[in-house]
N, C-alpha and C. Protein backbone atom coordinates (compact mmCIF):
# COMPACT_ATOMS: atom_id res chain seq x y z
N MET A 1 12.06 9.15 30.37
CA MET A 1 10.88 9.59 30.36
C MET A 1 10.50 9.75 28.81
N SER A 2 9.25 9.31 28.71
CA SER A 2 8.67 8.93 27.24
C SER A 2 8.41 10.32 26.59
N GLU A 3 8.37 10.57 25.34
CA GLU A 3 8.08 11.83 24.49
C GLU A 3 6.75 11.58 24.67
N VAL A 4 6.34 13.09 24.75
CA VAL A 4 5.09 13.56 24.59
C VAL A 4 4.67 14.60 23.76
N ASN A 5 3.23 14.58 23.22
CA ASN A 5 2.75 15.52 22.53
C ASN A 5 2.37 16.82 22.84
N GLU A 6 2.03 17.54 22.17
CA GLU A 6 1.42 18.99 22.54
C GLU A 6 0.76 19.16 23.88
N ASP A 7 -0.31 17.95 23.68
CA ASP A 7 -1.30 17.99 24.66
C ASP A 7 -0.67 17.34 26.00
N GLY A 8 0.17 16.73 26.03
CA GLY A 8 1.03 15.96 27.18
C GLY A 8 0.88 14.86 27.47
N TYR A 9 0.44 13.90 26.02
CA TYR A 9 0.15 12.60 26.09
C TYR A 9 1.56 11.74 25.57
N THR A 10 1.71 10.68 25.98
CA THR A 10 2.65 9.92 25.42
C THR A 10 1.83 9.40 24.46
N PHE A 11 2.72 8.61 23.39
CA PHE A 11 1.78 8.02 22.41
C PHE A 11 1.10 6.90 22.93
N VAL A 12 1.29 5.92 23.84
CA VAL A 12 0.61 4.79 24.44
C VAL A 12 -0.73 5.37 25.08
N GLU A 13 -0.40 6.48 25.79
CA GLU A 13 -1.66 7.13 26.79
C GLU A 13 -2.64 7.78 25.48
N TRP A 14 -1.96 8.37 24.50
CA TRP A 14 -3.04 9.05 23.47
C TRP A 14 -3.72 7.76 22.66
N LEU A 15 -3.12 6.67 22.30
CA LEU A 15 -3.67 5.72 21.52
C LEU A 15 -4.89 4.94 22.56
N SER A 16 -4.34 4.83 23.71
CA SER A 16 -5.35 4.27 24.54
C SER A 16 -6.70 4.98 24.83
N LEU A 17 -6.80 6.31 24.89
CA LEU A 17 -7.98 7.17 24.77
C LEU A 17 -8.82 7.21 23.50
N ALA A 18 -7.80 7.15 22.43
CA ALA A 18 -8.45 6.71 21.15
C ALA A 18 -9.22 5.66 21.15
N ASP A 19 -8.73 4.45 21.61
CA ASP A 19 -9.24 2.95 21.56
C ASP A 19 -10.25 3.15 22.41
N VAL A 20 -10.41 3.86 23.48
CA VAL A 20 -11.62 3.82 24.26
C VAL A 20 -12.75 4.36 23.75
N ALA A 21 -12.56 5.50 23.07
CA ALA A 21 -13.73 6.18 22.32
C ALA A 21 -14.25 5.17 21.24
N VAL A 22 -13.42 4.76 20.52
CA VAL A 22 -13.95 3.95 19.46
C VAL A 22 -14.67 2.46 20.22
N GLU A 23 -14.11 2.18 21.05
CA GLU A 23 -14.89 0.87 21.89
C GLU A 23 -16.21 1.28 22.28
N ARG A 24 -16.50 2.45 22.95
CA ARG A 24 -17.53 2.91 23.52
C ARG A 24 -18.75 2.78 22.49
N GLU A 25 -18.25 3.49 20.97
CA GLU A 25 -19.22 3.63 20.17
C GLU A 25 -19.68 2.41 19.16
N CYS A 26 -18.74 1.67 19.00
CA CYS A 26 -19.05 0.46 18.30
C CYS A 26 -18.72 -0.89 18.78
N LYS A 27 -17.89 -1.17 19.68
CA LYS A 27 -17.62 -2.31 20.67
C LYS A 27 -16.35 -2.99 19.86
N PHE A 28 -15.77 -2.49 19.10
CA PHE A 28 -14.47 -2.79 18.14
C PHE A 28 -13.24 -2.07 18.67
N ALA A 29 -12.00 -2.55 18.72
CA ALA A 29 -10.91 -2.07 19.23
C ALA A 29 -10.72 -1.08 17.80
N LEU A 30 -9.57 -0.23 18.29
CA LEU A 30 -9.27 0.93 17.27
C LEU A 30 -8.16 0.17 16.37
N GLY A 31 -7.42 -0.82 16.71
CA GLY A 31 -6.41 -1.49 16.15
C GLY A 31 -7.30 -2.32 14.79
N ASP A 32 -8.41 -2.47 15.02
CA ASP A 32 -9.24 -3.26 13.97
C ASP A 32 -9.27 -2.33 12.86
N PHE A 33 -9.26 -0.88 13.09
CA PHE A 33 -9.57 0.25 11.92
C PHE A 33 -8.38 0.41 11.29
N ILE A 34 -7.29 0.70 12.10
CA ILE A 34 -6.17 1.58 11.57
C ILE A 34 -5.39 0.73 10.39
N VAL A 35 -5.14 -0.57 10.16
CA VAL A 35 -4.63 -0.99 9.07
C VAL A 35 -5.65 -1.18 8.10
N PHE A 36 -7.08 -1.28 8.24
CA PHE A 36 -8.07 -1.26 7.27
C PHE A 36 -8.13 0.15 6.67
N ALA A 37 -8.32 0.99 7.63
CA ALA A 37 -8.65 2.45 6.99
C ALA A 37 -7.33 2.95 6.37
N LEU A 38 -5.98 2.68 6.78
CA LEU A 38 -5.04 3.56 6.46
C LEU A 38 -4.11 2.70 5.48
N GLY A 39 -4.26 0.99 5.73
CA GLY A 39 -3.27 0.40 5.02
C GLY A 39 -2.01 0.11 5.91
N ASP A 40 -1.57 0.97 6.76
CA ASP A 40 -0.58 0.81 7.64
C ASP A 40 -0.71 1.77 9.01
N ASP A 41 0.07 1.88 9.56
CA ASP A 41 -0.13 2.55 11.13
C ASP A 41 0.50 3.91 11.01
N ASP A 42 1.20 4.44 9.98
CA ASP A 42 2.02 5.67 10.06
C ASP A 42 1.08 6.68 10.29
N GLY A 43 -0.25 6.72 9.80
CA GLY A 43 -1.20 7.85 10.34
C GLY A 43 -1.57 8.18 11.64
N VAL A 44 -1.28 6.88 12.29
CA VAL A 44 -1.60 6.82 13.89
C VAL A 44 -0.41 7.67 14.51
N GLU A 45 0.84 7.50 14.41
CA GLU A 45 1.78 8.12 14.81
C GLU A 45 1.74 9.88 14.42
N GLN A 46 1.50 10.13 13.21
CA GLN A 46 1.48 11.50 12.58
C GLN A 46 0.28 12.26 13.52
N ALA A 47 -0.67 11.64 13.87
CA ALA A 47 -2.15 12.18 14.31
C ALA A 47 -1.54 12.54 15.98
N TRP A 48 -0.81 11.65 16.44
CA TRP A 48 -0.28 12.00 17.86
C TRP A 48 0.75 13.00 17.88
N LEU A 49 1.47 12.96 16.82
CA LEU A 49 2.57 14.13 16.73
C LEU A 49 1.99 15.38 16.68
N ASN A 50 1.00 15.41 15.71
CA ASN A 50 -0.06 16.72 15.42
C ASN A 50 -0.93 16.89 16.64
N SER A 51 -0.63 16.21 17.78
CA SER A 51 -2.02 16.48 18.56
C SER A 51 -3.35 16.59 18.26
N VAL A 52 -3.60 15.58 17.36
CA VAL A 52 -4.95 15.43 16.90
C VAL A 52 -5.62 14.62 18.58
N LYS A 53 -6.72 15.45 18.73
CA LYS A 53 -7.20 14.64 19.86
C LYS A 53 -7.83 13.24 19.78
N PRO A 54 -7.61 12.59 20.81
CA PRO A 54 -8.06 11.16 20.40
C PRO A 54 -9.23 10.93 19.97
N LYS A 55 -10.23 11.58 20.68
CA LYS A 55 -11.56 11.25 20.22
C LYS A 55 -11.91 11.64 18.58
N ASP A 56 -11.02 12.76 18.25
CA ASP A 56 -11.18 12.98 16.65
C ASP A 56 -10.81 11.92 16.09
N TYR A 57 -9.43 11.34 16.18
CA TYR A 57 -8.70 10.54 15.67
C TYR A 57 -9.74 8.95 15.41
N ALA A 58 -10.35 8.77 16.79
CA ALA A 58 -11.16 7.70 16.79
C ALA A 58 -12.39 7.96 15.77
N ILE A 59 -13.13 9.23 15.46
CA ILE A 59 -14.03 9.63 14.79
C ILE A 59 -13.84 9.38 13.20
N MET A 60 -12.23 9.80 13.06
CA MET A 60 -11.65 9.99 11.63
C MET A 60 -11.95 8.47 11.18
N MET A 61 -11.38 7.57 12.17
CA MET A 61 -11.04 5.87 11.87
C MET A 61 -12.17 5.35 11.49
N LEU A 62 -13.44 5.73 12.47
CA LEU A 62 -14.65 5.31 12.07
C LEU A 62 -15.43 5.69 10.64
N GLU A 63 -15.23 6.83 10.41
CA GLU A 63 -15.75 7.42 9.29
C GLU A 63 -14.98 6.83 7.77
N GLU A 64 -13.77 6.48 8.16
CA GLU A 64 -12.79 6.12 6.79
C GLU A 64 -13.28 4.55 6.62
N SER A 65 -13.81 4.12 7.76
CA SER A 65 -14.34 2.54 7.81
C SER A 65 -15.41 2.29 6.87
N THR A 66 -15.78 1.04 6.88
CA THR A 66 -17.27 1.16 6.27
C THR A 66 -18.67 1.04 6.99
N PHE A 67 -18.20 1.59 8.32
CA PHE A 67 -19.06 1.72 9.10
C PHE A 67 -19.86 2.95 9.20
N GLY A 68 -19.77 3.85 8.15
CA GLY A 68 -20.32 5.34 7.90
C GLY A 68 -20.21 6.01 8.90
N GLU A 69 -20.91 7.30 9.01
CA GLU A 69 -20.68 8.42 9.71
C GLU A 69 -21.02 8.33 11.10
N PHE A 70 -20.22 8.72 12.21
CA PHE A 70 -20.40 8.37 13.69
C PHE A 70 -20.31 9.93 14.03
N HIS A 71 -20.87 10.12 15.32
CA HIS A 71 -20.74 11.17 16.46
C HIS A 71 -20.38 10.69 17.51
N LEU A 72 -19.06 10.65 17.91
CA LEU A 72 -18.98 10.13 19.37
C LEU A 72 -19.32 11.21 20.38
N ARG A 73 -19.69 10.79 21.34
CA ARG A 73 -20.16 12.06 22.42
C ARG A 73 -18.93 12.39 23.34
């Protein structure tokens, strides 16, 4: 069984939900923002371990990009 965070998501499940939130808003994949916004992907795993909501992580990635402020529904 894979490790889950406090919300009960495996890392892959959590990342998939965050990816869907980004794609709904701007039609880009979350992976397009991870390296650009953070310089590496360490922040992704930390967000998952800290049970940051996938939608909140998606908003953070969009806001840290050059795409400006986003408010996902």
